[in-house]
């Protein structure tokens, strides 16, 4: 982005980087390319697996005893690999299964 430096009276190229963002769960979920809290891996921090409740068609995340202390955390590289695998999948039915499994949308993510 071209900006003006009034002190030196000249134009310069400004390069900006997003360091952090915030919002409610749906907004942050969308920014992070996740399917949301009602998918089988809806947590953006860990890889807990949800169970579909037939009574109301919502995904439930059962925690028993202290199992929530040992949940496998998501890694940035792994998320990028999952999204890349989804983007490169040519069979729609398989792509939908991957989205449910990984909890990621079909988005192109720049690393």
C-alpha atoms as a PDB file:
ATOM      1  CA  UNK A   1       0.000   0.000   0.000  1.00  0.00           C
ATOM      2  CA  UNK A   2       1.378   3.397  -0.931  1.00  0.00           C
ATOM      3  CA  UNK A   3       1.517   5.878   1.982  1.00  0.00           C
ATOM      4  CA  UNK A   4       2.792   9.400   2.498  1.00  0.00           C
ATOM      5  CA  UNK A   5       5.492  10.249   5.045  1.00  0.00           C
ATOM      6  CA  UNK A   6       4.792  13.881   6.045  1.00  0.00           C
ATOM      7  CA  UNK A   7       8.059  14.204   7.996  1.00  0.00           C
ATOM      8  CA  UNK A   8      10.261  13.319   5.009  1.00  0.00           C
ATOM      9  CA  UNK A   9       7.684  14.568   2.492  1.00  0.00           C
ATOM     10  CA  UNK A  10       7.821  11.420   0.385  1.00  0.00           C
ATOM     11  CA  UNK A  11       5.744   8.381  -0.504  1.00  0.00           C
ATOM     12  CA  UNK A  12       6.693   4.879   0.630  1.00  0.00           C
ATOM     13  CA  UNK A  13       5.355   1.343   0.374  1.00  0.00           C
ATOM     14  CA  UNK A  14       3.688   0.210   3.596  1.00  0.00           C
ATOM     15  CA  UNK A  15       3.670  -3.525   4.235  1.00  0.00           C
ATOM     16  CA  UNK A  16       1.214  -4.664   6.907  1.00  0.00           C
ATOM     17  CA  UNK A  17       0.922  -8.045   8.596  1.00  0.00           C
ATOM     18  CA  UNK A  18      -1.991  -9.310  10.660  1.00  0.00           C
ATOM     19  CA  UNK A  19      -0.635 -10.237  14.070  1.00  0.00           C
ATOM     20  CA  UNK A  20      -3.900 -11.168  15.731  1.00  0.00           C
ATOM     21  CA  UNK A  21      -7.633 -11.000  15.273  1.00  0.00           C
ATOM     22  CA  UNK A  22     -10.621 -11.557  17.483  1.00  0.00           C
ATOM     23  CA  UNK A  23     -14.328 -12.097  17.179  1.00  0.00           C
ATOM     24  CA  UNK A  24     -17.130 -14.408  18.225  1.00  0.00           C
ATOM     25  CA  UNK A  25     -16.841 -18.149  17.555  1.00  0.00           C
ATOM     26  CA  UNK A  26     -18.508 -18.062  14.094  1.00  0.00           C
ATOM     27  CA  UNK A  27     -16.284 -15.180  12.923  1.00  0.00           C
ATOM     28  CA  UNK A  28     -13.012 -16.694  14.147  1.00  0.00           C
ATOM     29  CA  UNK A  29     -14.052 -20.097  12.796  1.00  0.00           C
ATOM     30  CA  UNK A  30     -14.567 -18.583   9.346  1.00  0.00           C
ATOM     31  CA  UNK A  31     -11.243 -16.741   9.386  1.00  0.00           C
ATOM     32  CA  UNK A  32      -9.415 -19.943  10.408  1.00  0.00           C
ATOM     33  CA  UNK A  33     -11.130 -22.034   7.670  1.00  0.00           C
ATOM     34  CA  UNK A  34     -12.881 -24.334  10.141  1.00  0.00           C
ATOM     35  CA  UNK A  35     -16.350 -25.812   9.759  1.00  0.00           C
ATOM     36  CA  UNK A  36     -17.476 -24.720  13.201  1.00  0.00           C
ATOM     37  CA  UNK A  37     -18.483 -26.099  16.554  1.00  0.00           C
ATOM     38  CA  UNK A  38     -21.095 -28.451  15.071  1.00  0.00           C
ATOM     39  CA  UNK A  39     -18.648 -30.524  13.005  1.00  0.00           C
ATOM     40  CA  UNK A  40     -16.959 -33.753  14.095  1.00  0.00           C
ATOM     41  CA  UNK A  41     -13.665 -31.971  14.781  1.00  0.00           C
ATOM     42  CA  UNK A  42     -15.115 -28.559  15.559  1.00  0.00           C
ATOM     43  CA  UNK A  43     -12.567 -27.426  18.131  1.00  0.00           C
ATOM     44  CA  UNK A  44      -9.960 -25.098  16.650  1.00  0.00           C
ATOM     45  CA  UNK A  45      -7.444 -25.930  19.400  1.00  0.00           C
ATOM     46  CA  UNK A  46      -7.556 -29.717  19.683  1.00  0.00           C
ATOM     47  CA  UNK A  47      -8.609 -32.786  17.706  1.00  0.00           C
ATOM     48  CA  UNK A  48     -11.426 -34.042  19.933  1.00  0.00           C
ATOM     49  CA  UNK A  49     -13.877 -36.185  17.959  1.00  0.00           C
ATOM     50  CA  UNK A  50     -17.564 -35.406  18.218  1.00  0.00           C
ATOM     51  CA  UNK A  51     -20.491 -37.822  18.196  1.00  0.00           C
ATOM     52  CA  UNK A  52     -23.708 -37.095  16.296  1.00  0.00           C
ATOM     53  CA  UNK A  53     -26.803 -37.063  18.507  1.00  0.00           C
ATOM     54  CA  UNK A  54     -29.652 -38.555  16.501  1.00  0.00           C
ATOM     55  CA  UNK A  55     -32.261 -36.809  18.664  1.00  0.00           C
ATOM     56  CA  UNK A  56     -31.373 -33.277  17.542  1.00  0.00           C
ATOM     57  CA  UNK A  57     -28.750 -33.758  14.769  1.00  0.00           C
ATOM     58  CA  UNK A  58     -26.065 -31.872  16.695  1.00  0.00           C
ATOM     59  CA  UNK A  59     -22.518 -32.983  17.357  1.00  0.00           C
ATOM     60  CA  UNK A  60     -21.664 -33.595  21.015  1.00  0.00           C
ATOM     61  CA  UNK A  61     -18.136 -33.791  22.452  1.00  0.00           C
ATOM     62  CA  UNK A  62     -18.175 -36.284  25.314  1.00  0.00           C
ATOM     63  CA  UNK A  63     -15.486 -35.895  27.961  1.00  0.00           C
ATOM     64  CA  UNK A  64     -15.055 -38.654  30.500  1.00  0.00           C
ATOM     65  CA  UNK A  65     -13.027 -38.392  33.695  1.00  0.00           C
ATOM     66  CA  UNK A  66      -9.909 -36.315  32.966  1.00  0.00           C
ATOM     67  CA  UNK A  67      -9.692 -37.169  29.259  1.00  0.00           C
ATOM     68  CA  UNK A  68      -9.926 -33.455  28.391  1.00  0.00           C
ATOM     69  CA  UNK A  69      -6.422 -33.046  29.844  1.00  0.00           C
ATOM     70  CA  UNK A  70      -4.879 -35.357  27.222  1.00  0.00           C
ATOM     71  CA  UNK A  71      -6.488 -34.080  24.016  1.00  0.00           C
ATOM     72  CA  UNK A  72      -4.152 -33.961  21.003  1.00  0.00           C
ATOM     73  CA  UNK A  73      -3.544 -30.340  20.009  1.00  0.00           C
ATOM     74  CA  UNK A  74      -3.732 -29.107  16.433  1.00  0.00           C
ATOM     75  CA  UNK A  75      -0.492 -27.996  14.781  1.00  0.00           C
ATOM     76  CA  UNK A  76      -0.387 -25.194  12.219  1.00  0.00           C
ATOM     77  CA  UNK A  77       1.447 -27.349   9.671  1.00  0.00           C
ATOM     78  CA  UNK A  78      -1.101 -30.127  10.083  1.00  0.00           C
ATOM     79  CA  UNK A  79      -4.003 -27.722   9.451  1.00  0.00           C
ATOM     80  CA  UNK A  80      -2.328 -26.483   6.261  1.00  0.00           C
ATOM     81  CA  UNK A  81      -1.746 -30.090   5.131  1.00  0.00           C
ATOM     82  CA  UNK A  82      -5.418 -30.960   5.811  1.00  0.00           C
ATOM     83  CA  UNK A  83      -6.663 -27.958   3.837  1.00  0.00           C
ATOM     84  CA  UNK A  84      -4.273 -28.766   0.979  1.00  0.00           C
ATOM     85  CA  UNK A  85      -5.526 -32.374   0.888  1.00  0.00           C
ATOM     86  CA  UNK A  86      -9.141 -31.145   0.771  1.00  0.00           C
ATOM     87  CA  UNK A  87      -8.376 -28.604  -1.971  1.00  0.00           C
ATOM     88  CA  UNK A  88      -6.611 -31.243  -4.097  1.00  0.00           C
ATOM     89  CA  UNK A  89      -9.329 -33.890  -3.722  1.00  0.00           C
ATOM     90  CA  UNK A  90     -11.142 -34.474  -7.041  1.00  0.00           C
ATOM     91  CA  UNK A  91     -13.984 -36.701  -5.786  1.00  0.00           C
ATOM     92  CA  UNK A  92     -16.723 -34.638  -4.108  1.00  0.00           C
ATOM     93  CA  UNK A  93     -17.965 -37.431  -1.838  1.00  0.00           C
ATOM     94  CA  UNK A  94     -14.424 -38.052  -0.580  1.00  0.00           C
ATOM     95  CA  UNK A  95     -13.849 -34.301  -0.201  1.00  0.00           C
ATOM     96  CA  UNK A  96     -16.965 -34.040   2.004  1.00  0.00           C
ATOM     97  CA  UNK A  97     -15.689 -36.889   4.189  1.00  0.00           C
ATOM     98  CA  UNK A  98     -12.321 -35.153   4.573  1.00  0.00           C
ATOM     99  CA  UNK A  99     -14.031 -31.894   5.561  1.00  0.00           C
ATOM    100  CA  UNK A 100     -16.028 -33.733   8.239  1.00  0.00           C
ATOM    101  CA  UNK A 101     -12.949 -35.604   9.452  1.00  0.00           C
ATOM    102  CA  UNK A 102     -10.578 -32.632   9.596  1.00  0.00           C
ATOM    103  CA  UNK A 103     -13.062 -29.881  10.431  1.00  0.00           C
ATOM    104  CA  UNK A 104     -11.700 -27.648   7.653  1.00  0.00           C
ATOM    105  CA  UNK A 105     -13.441 -25.721   4.896  1.00  0.00           C
ATOM    106  CA  UNK A 106     -12.383 -25.790   1.258  1.00  0.00           C
ATOM    107  CA  UNK A 107     -10.199 -22.691   1.171  1.00  0.00           C
ATOM    108  CA  UNK A 108      -6.872 -21.853  -0.315  1.00  0.00           C
ATOM    109  CA  UNK A 109      -4.567 -20.885   2.535  1.00  0.00           C
ATOM    110  CA  UNK A 110      -1.329 -19.027   2.018  1.00  0.00           C
ATOM    111  CA  UNK A 111       1.474 -20.176   4.286  1.00  0.00           C
END
